Amino acid sequence: MKNIVIAAGYATRLGELTKNFPKPLLKIGNNTILGRMLDDIDRIPDIDEHIIVTNHKFAPIFEEWAKEQHYTKPITIIDDGTESNETRLGAVCDLLYALDQLNINDDMLVVAADNILFFSFQEFVDFAKAKQTSCIMCHEQPSIEKLQRTGVIVMDEQNRVLNMEEKPQVPKSHWAVPPFYIYRKEDLDLVRHSVENGCGKDAPGNLAHYMVEKTTMHAWPMSAGRFDIGSLDTYKEACERFGRARIKNR
């Protein structure tokens, strides 16, 4: 199984902090946001490689960072060739670019690199192996306002996803979908042809929405919470809650 990290965004909401530096490599205490995630994923026996998809502007920074890491699984950096937020490929196209560049033909764990998690991805991998399908995560979200800004699913008693909507005005459930997915090798042909068949390009949830309509997928309810770092305020809060790193403009 490949661990594919989608990290080609420009994090414009963090202003000067990420103007010339990638958000996933910002420090939280004595580690980076991405490092905290890889510390967990690297311990999963099924994972045999970490693939980080970034942009041309930040690729050299990721390359230097990778040289200093000592994970048990190799790290591969993919440069998608873009240099600005206006020319970005979008998360789905970045994933397809990695599939094409590396000729990937394996199960994939696909993750966004801007969260601090309070559970192990091993649980998610075990769930997908038990279900033998591609899978998404979900968590209960009581706020209608927040549900209107994310993917929302309906699932049956066996956790099979029956319906998924992106940013619904009238959510059909309280099950929200965070940006973590497992796509099985058997579904890679659907993934590869998703955009040409109408799948949205920008958010990673666009692909999950597309796949739910094309194949059987199950949803794993997260066993604990997560902290989403999406703005300067939430980064500052993460540093205060989970580390002692000072906020500096780079």
Protein backbone atom coordinates (compact mmCIF):
# COMPACT_ATOMS: atom_id res chain seq x y z
CA MET A 1 0.00 0.00 0.00
CA LYS A 2 1.28 3.46 -0.96
CA ASN A 3 0.82 6.41 1.36
CA ILE A 4 0.08 9.39 -0.88
CA VAL A 5 0.21 12.81 0.78
CA ILE A 6 -1.52 15.60 -1.14
CA ALA A 7 0.60 18.65 -0.31
CA ALA A 8 0.58 20.83 -3.43
CA GLY A 9 -1.58 23.66 -2.10
CA TYR A 10 -0.33 27.16 -1.34
CA ALA A 11 -2.10 27.70 2.02
CA THR A 12 -2.99 31.30 1.20
CA ARG A 13 -5.07 31.64 4.37
CA LEU A 14 -1.89 31.50 6.45
CA GLY A 15 -0.55 34.64 4.77
CA GLU A 16 3.16 35.42 5.06
CA LEU A 17 3.81 32.26 7.08
CA THR A 18 3.35 30.06 4.01
CA LYS A 19 4.15 32.57 1.26
CA ASN A 20 7.49 30.85 0.68
CA PHE A 21 7.16 27.73 2.84
CA PRO A 22 4.83 24.70 2.73
CA LYS A 23 2.21 24.40 5.46
CA PRO A 24 2.81 20.67 6.11
CA LEU A 25 6.39 21.42 7.18
CA LEU A 26 5.47 24.11 9.71
CA LYS A 27 6.64 23.18 13.19
CA ILE A 28 4.35 22.09 16.00
CA GLY A 29 6.67 21.79 18.97
CA ASN A 30 9.76 19.81 17.94
CA ASN A 31 8.10 18.16 14.94
CA THR A 32 6.32 19.26 11.76
CA ILE A 33 2.62 18.84 10.96
CA LEU A 34 3.52 16.25 8.31
CA GLY A 35 6.10 14.58 10.53
CA ARG A 36 3.52 13.92 13.23
CA MET A 37 1.34 12.16 10.66
CA LEU A 38 4.16 10.12 9.10
CA ASP A 39 5.40 9.00 12.51
CA ASP A 40 2.14 7.06 12.75
CA ILE A 41 1.73 5.93 9.14
CA ASP A 42 5.31 4.70 8.85
CA ARG A 43 4.60 2.06 11.53
CA ILE A 44 1.82 0.44 9.46
CA PRO A 45 3.21 -2.83 8.00
CA ASP A 46 1.06 -2.56 4.83
CA ILE A 47 2.64 0.78 3.85
CA ASP A 48 5.78 0.41 1.71
CA GLU A 49 6.35 3.99 0.47
CA HIS A 50 5.47 7.59 1.31
CA ILE A 51 4.70 9.67 -1.80
CA ILE A 52 4.39 13.40 -1.26
CA VAL A 53 2.85 15.40 -4.10
CA THR A 54 3.80 19.06 -3.94
CA ASN A 55 4.27 22.02 -6.29
CA HIS A 56 7.32 23.33 -8.08
CA LYS A 57 7.70 26.23 -5.66
CA PHE A 58 7.94 24.01 -2.57
CA ALA A 59 9.44 20.82 -4.04
CA PRO A 60 13.07 21.78 -3.18
CA ILE A 61 12.05 22.41 0.45
CA PHE A 62 10.39 18.99 0.66
CA GLU A 63 13.44 17.39 -0.96
CA GLU A 64 15.75 18.88 1.67
CA TRP A 65 13.38 17.84 4.43
CA ALA A 66 13.18 14.28 3.08
CA LYS A 67 16.98 13.92 3.20
CA GLU A 68 16.88 14.49 6.96
CA GLN A 69 14.18 11.89 7.70
CA HIS A 70 14.81 8.39 9.00
CA TYR A 71 11.56 6.57 8.35
CA THR A 72 11.58 2.84 7.67
CA LYS A 73 9.74 3.37 4.36
CA PRO A 74 11.23 5.44 1.51
CA ILE A 75 9.97 8.95 0.74
CA THR A 76 9.36 10.04 -2.86
CA ILE A 77 8.70 13.70 -3.69
CA ILE A 78 6.59 14.47 -6.77
CA ASP A 79 6.71 17.99 -8.27
CA ASP A 80 3.46 18.82 -10.08
CA GLY A 81 5.09 21.72 -11.96
CA THR A 82 2.85 24.54 -10.74
CA GLU A 83 4.16 27.74 -9.18
CA SER A 84 1.11 29.65 -7.94
CA ASN A 85 -2.30 29.24 -6.35
CA GLU A 86 -3.86 30.42 -9.60
CA THR A 87 -2.23 27.67 -11.66
CA ARG A 88 -2.57 24.79 -9.15
CA LEU A 89 -3.79 21.48 -10.54
CA GLY A 90 -6.19 20.68 -7.71
CA ALA A 91 -6.02 17.75 -5.29
CA VAL A 92 -7.63 15.19 -7.58
CA CYS A 93 -5.40 16.04 -10.52
CA ASP A 94 -2.35 15.95 -8.24
CA LEU A 95 -3.27 12.41 -7.24
CA LEU A 96 -3.74 11.40 -10.88
CA TYR A 97 -0.40 13.01 -11.73
CA ALA A 98 1.35 10.88 -9.10
CA LEU A 99 -0.39 7.73 -10.36
CA ASP A 100 0.84 8.48 -13.87
CA GLN A 101 4.38 9.55 -12.96
CA LEU A 102 5.08 6.53 -10.77
CA ASN A 103 2.87 4.05 -12.61
CA ILE A 104 1.20 3.12 -9.32
CA ASN A 105 -0.75 -0.13 -9.32
CA ASP A 106 -1.32 -0.74 -5.63
CA ASP A 107 -3.75 0.01 -2.82
CA MET A 108 -3.45 3.66 -1.72
CA LEU A 109 -3.89 5.54 1.52
CA VAL A 110 -4.53 9.14 0.44
CA VAL A 111 -4.19 11.87 3.07
CA ALA A 112 -4.19 15.63 3.40
CA ALA A 113 -1.17 16.92 5.30
CA ASP A 114 -2.68 19.63 7.50
CA ASN A 115 -4.25 17.75 10.42
CA ILE A 116 -3.15 16.59 13.85
CA LEU A 117 -4.84 13.24 14.55
CA PHE A 118 -5.70 11.60 17.86
CA PHE A 119 -5.97 8.07 16.47
CA SER A 120 -3.84 5.75 14.34
CA PHE A 121 -4.29 5.19 10.64
CA GLN A 122 -3.71 1.50 11.42
CA GLU A 123 -7.36 1.35 12.53
CA PHE A 124 -8.49 2.73 9.18
CA VAL A 125 -6.32 0.27 7.23
CA ASP A 126 -7.65 -2.64 9.30
CA PHE A 127 -11.23 -1.51 8.62
CA ALA A 128 -10.62 -1.36 4.86
CA LYS A 129 -9.01 -4.81 4.87
CA ALA A 130 -12.02 -6.23 6.71
CA LYS A 131 -14.51 -4.61 4.31
CA GLN A 132 -12.45 -5.39 1.17
CA THR A 133 -13.60 -2.16 -0.49
CA SER A 134 -12.33 1.35 -0.99
CA CYS A 135 -13.10 3.40 2.12
CA ILE A 136 -13.50 6.90 3.48
CA MET A 137 -13.47 8.23 7.03
CA CYS A 138 -16.33 9.99 8.74
CA HIS A 139 -17.13 11.67 12.03
CA GLU A 140 -20.26 13.05 13.63
CA GLN A 141 -20.64 16.79 13.14
CA PRO A 142 -23.53 18.40 15.07
CA SER A 143 -23.16 21.82 13.44
CA ILE A 144 -25.34 22.29 10.35
CA GLU A 145 -23.22 25.27 9.36
CA LYS A 146 -20.05 23.15 9.34
CA LEU A 147 -21.81 20.33 7.49
CA GLN A 148 -22.69 22.83 4.78
CA ARG A 149 -18.96 23.37 4.19
CA THR A 150 -17.86 19.74 3.84
CA GLY A 151 -18.76 16.35 2.39
CA VAL A 152 -21.69 14.60 4.07
CA ILE A 153 -22.59 10.92 3.75
CA VAL A 154 -25.49 8.60 4.43
CA MET A 155 -24.54 5.02 5.30
CA ASP A 156 -26.35 1.80 6.25
CA GLU A 157 -25.89 -0.38 9.35
CA GLN A 158 -22.89 -2.13 7.76
CA ASN A 159 -21.19 1.25 7.12
CA ARG A 160 -21.71 1.03 3.38
CA VAL A 161 -21.93 4.53 1.91
CA LEU A 162 -25.30 5.04 0.24
CA ASN A 163 -24.97 8.70 -0.66
CA MET A 164 -22.44 11.53 -0.51
CA GLU A 165 -22.95 15.23 -1.11
CA GLU A 166 -20.38 18.02 -1.16
CA LYS A 167 -21.38 21.11 0.85
CA PRO A 168 -25.13 20.34 0.97
CA GLN A 169 -27.47 23.16 1.95
CA VAL A 170 -29.74 20.57 3.59
CA PRO A 171 -27.48 17.80 5.00
CA LYS A 172 -29.05 14.33 5.01
CA SER A 173 -27.04 13.21 8.06
CA HIS A 174 -24.49 14.41 10.61
CA TRP A 175 -21.68 12.26 9.17
CA ALA A 176 -18.97 14.57 7.84
CA VAL A 177 -16.04 13.35 5.72
CA PRO A 178 -12.44 14.40 6.53
CA PRO A 179 -9.71 14.25 3.82
CA PHE A 180 -8.49 10.68 4.39
CA TYR A 181 -9.23 7.83 1.97
CA ILE A 182 -8.23 4.31 0.99
CA TYR A 183 -8.59 3.38 -2.68
CA ARG A 184 -8.09 -0.27 -3.51
CA LYS A 185 -6.05 -1.46 -6.47
CA GLU A 186 -9.23 -2.87 -8.02
CA ASP A 187 -10.70 0.65 -8.22
CA LEU A 188 -7.67 2.42 -9.69
CA ASP A 189 -9.08 2.37 -13.22
CA LEU A 190 -12.09 4.36 -11.95
CA VAL A 191 -9.73 6.77 -10.20
CA ARG A 192 -7.55 7.25 -13.30
CA HIS A 193 -10.53 8.15 -15.49
CA SER A 194 -12.44 10.16 -12.90
CA VAL A 195 -11.70 13.70 -14.09
CA GLU A 196 -12.35 12.94 -17.75
CA ASN A 197 -15.71 11.51 -16.67
CA GLY A 198 -16.79 14.63 -14.79
CA CYS A 199 -15.16 14.41 -11.36
CA GLY A 200 -14.30 17.76 -9.79
CA LYS A 201 -10.60 18.59 -9.61
CA ASP A 202 -9.99 20.83 -6.63
CA ALA A 203 -10.93 19.19 -3.32
CA PRO A 204 -9.96 15.56 -2.50
CA GLY A 205 -13.58 14.99 -1.46
CA ASN A 206 -14.61 15.43 -5.10
CA LEU A 207 -13.02 12.07 -5.91
CA ALA A 208 -14.68 10.31 -2.96
CA HIS A 209 -18.04 11.71 -4.07
CA TYR A 210 -17.42 10.44 -7.61
CA MET A 211 -16.30 7.00 -6.41
CA VAL A 212 -19.31 6.49 -4.15
CA GLU A 213 -21.49 6.62 -7.25
CA LYS A 214 -19.29 4.18 -9.19
CA THR A 215 -18.28 1.44 -6.75
CA THR A 216 -18.98 0.03 -3.30
CA MET A 217 -17.41 2.10 -0.53
CA HIS A 218 -17.55 1.90 3.25
CA ALA A 219 -17.00 4.59 5.86
CA TRP A 220 -14.97 4.21 9.05
CA PRO A 221 -16.20 6.39 11.94
CA MET A 222 -13.10 7.97 13.44
CA SER A 223 -12.29 6.51 16.87
CA ALA A 224 -11.04 9.89 18.14
CA GLY A 225 -10.84 13.49 16.99
CA ARG A 226 -8.54 15.58 14.83
CA PHE A 227 -7.32 19.16 14.75
CA ASP A 228 -7.59 20.81 11.34
CA ILE A 229 -4.97 23.50 10.68
CA GLY A 230 -6.60 25.72 8.09
CA SER A 231 -5.74 29.27 9.13
CA LEU A 232 -3.18 31.31 11.01
CA ASP A 233 -5.40 31.27 14.10
CA THR A 234 -5.72 27.47 14.09
CA TYR A 235 -1.97 27.08 13.57
CA LYS A 236 -1.31 29.32 16.55
CA GLU A 237 -3.81 27.32 18.58
CA ALA A 238 -2.12 24.05 17.54
CA CYS A 239 1.26 25.37 18.67
CA GLU A 240 -0.19 26.43 22.01
CA ARG A 241 -2.05 23.16 22.59
CA PHE A 242 0.37 20.61 21.15
CA GLY A 243 3.80 22.22 21.19
CA ARG A 244 5.89 25.16 22.19
CA ALA A 245 6.97 26.39 18.77
CA ARG A 246 6.89 30.15 18.29
CA ILE A 247 5.03 31.65 15.36
CA LYS A 248 7.49 33.26 12.99
CA ASN A 249 7.08 34.85 9.59
CA ARG A 250 9.42 33.24 7.12
